[in-house]
Amino acid sequence: MIERTRALGRTGHNSVSGSNGSSTTGADIRVIALWLGHESPTTTHQYVEADPAMKERALAGLEEPDIAIRRFHAPDSLLEFLKTL
């Protein structure tokens, strides 16, 4: 599932939410929210409440994208700018 999720452009959120968040791990949901880059623990709570079976059903309904994933190559001008920082 993780490979499919990454291929669909998703983030690693399912690794935390699959554990049912703070209720199973004992971690404070505010810490998890910060770790995932969420603005608010309310956002993280949506992942905690989502049933793993529901997530599987949602992913099963998606189709693989028909695009090639390309790696970003920074232009020389950007690399030169970054060297000045």
Protein backbone atom coordinates (compact mmCIF):
# COMPACT_ATOMS: atom_id res chain seq x y z
CA MET A 1 0.00 0.00 0.00
CA ILE A 2 2.81 2.45 0.77
CA GLU A 3 4.30 2.04 -2.71
CA ARG A 4 0.89 2.64 -4.30
CA THR A 5 0.32 5.64 -2.06
CA ARG A 6 3.67 7.15 -3.02
CA ALA A 7 3.02 6.47 -6.69
CA LEU A 8 -0.22 8.40 -6.38
CA GLY A 9 1.64 11.39 -4.98
CA ARG A 10 0.59 10.97 -1.38
CA THR A 11 2.79 11.61 1.61
CA GLY A 12 3.86 9.31 4.42
CA HIS A 13 0.82 10.20 6.54
CA ASN A 14 -0.52 6.67 6.45
CA SER A 15 2.42 5.41 8.49
CA VAL A 16 1.25 7.44 11.48
CA SER A 17 -2.48 7.32 10.92
CA GLY A 18 -2.42 3.57 10.41
CA SER A 19 -1.36 3.22 14.01
CA ASN A 20 -4.49 5.08 15.12
CA GLY A 21 -2.37 8.02 16.18
CA SER A 22 -1.99 8.94 19.78
CA SER A 23 -4.48 6.44 21.18
CA THR A 24 -2.26 3.48 20.32
CA THR A 25 1.23 4.94 20.38
CA GLY A 26 0.85 7.18 23.40
CA ALA A 27 2.24 10.12 21.42
CA ASP A 28 0.66 13.53 21.87
CA ILE A 29 -1.40 14.39 18.79
CA ARG A 30 0.10 17.91 18.84
CA VAL A 31 3.58 16.43 18.41
CA ILE A 32 2.38 14.26 15.53
CA ALA A 33 0.70 17.31 13.93
CA LEU A 34 3.96 19.26 14.09
CA TRP A 35 5.94 16.31 12.73
CA LEU A 36 3.58 16.00 9.75
CA GLY A 37 3.60 19.74 9.13
CA HIS A 38 -0.09 20.21 9.89
CA GLU A 39 -1.20 23.68 10.88
CA SER A 40 -3.54 22.31 13.50
CA PRO A 41 -4.00 19.07 15.49
CA THR A 42 -7.56 19.11 14.09
CA THR A 43 -6.15 18.14 10.69
CA THR A 44 -4.16 15.29 12.23
CA HIS A 45 -7.23 14.12 14.15
CA GLN A 46 -8.99 13.40 10.82
CA TYR A 47 -6.27 10.84 10.06
CA VAL A 48 -6.49 9.33 13.53
CA GLU A 49 -10.23 8.83 13.23
CA ALA A 50 -10.07 7.27 9.76
CA ASP A 51 -10.48 3.50 9.86
CA PRO A 52 -7.64 1.64 8.05
CA ALA A 53 -10.24 -0.47 6.17
CA MET A 54 -11.89 2.74 4.96
CA LYS A 55 -8.52 3.97 3.70
CA GLU A 56 -7.97 0.69 1.84
CA ARG A 57 -11.38 1.00 0.17
CA ALA A 58 -10.64 4.58 -0.85
CA LEU A 59 -7.27 3.61 -2.35
CA ALA A 60 -8.79 0.62 -4.12
CA GLY A 61 -11.12 2.97 -6.00
CA LEU A 62 -8.25 4.98 -7.46
CA GLU A 63 -6.53 4.32 -10.75
CA GLU A 64 -2.80 4.52 -11.28
CA PRO A 65 -1.85 7.80 -12.96
CA ASP A 66 -0.82 7.53 -16.58
CA ILE A 67 2.18 9.81 -16.21
CA ALA A 68 5.90 9.37 -15.91
CA ILE A 69 7.35 10.61 -12.65
CA ARG A 70 10.22 12.92 -13.42
CA ARG A 71 12.95 14.06 -11.09
CA PHE A 72 13.36 17.80 -10.56
CA HIS A 73 16.58 19.24 -11.94
CA ALA A 74 17.39 22.70 -10.64
CA PRO A 75 18.55 25.17 -13.28
CA ASP A 76 22.10 26.45 -13.01
CA SER A 77 20.82 29.91 -12.06
CA LEU A 78 19.09 28.48 -8.97
CA LEU A 79 22.17 26.49 -7.97
CA GLU A 80 24.34 29.58 -8.31
CA PHE A 81 21.89 31.57 -6.18
CA LEU A 82 21.89 28.91 -3.47
CA LYS A 83 25.68 28.97 -3.35
CA THR A 84 25.53 32.66 -2.39
CA LEU A 85 23.45 32.03 0.71
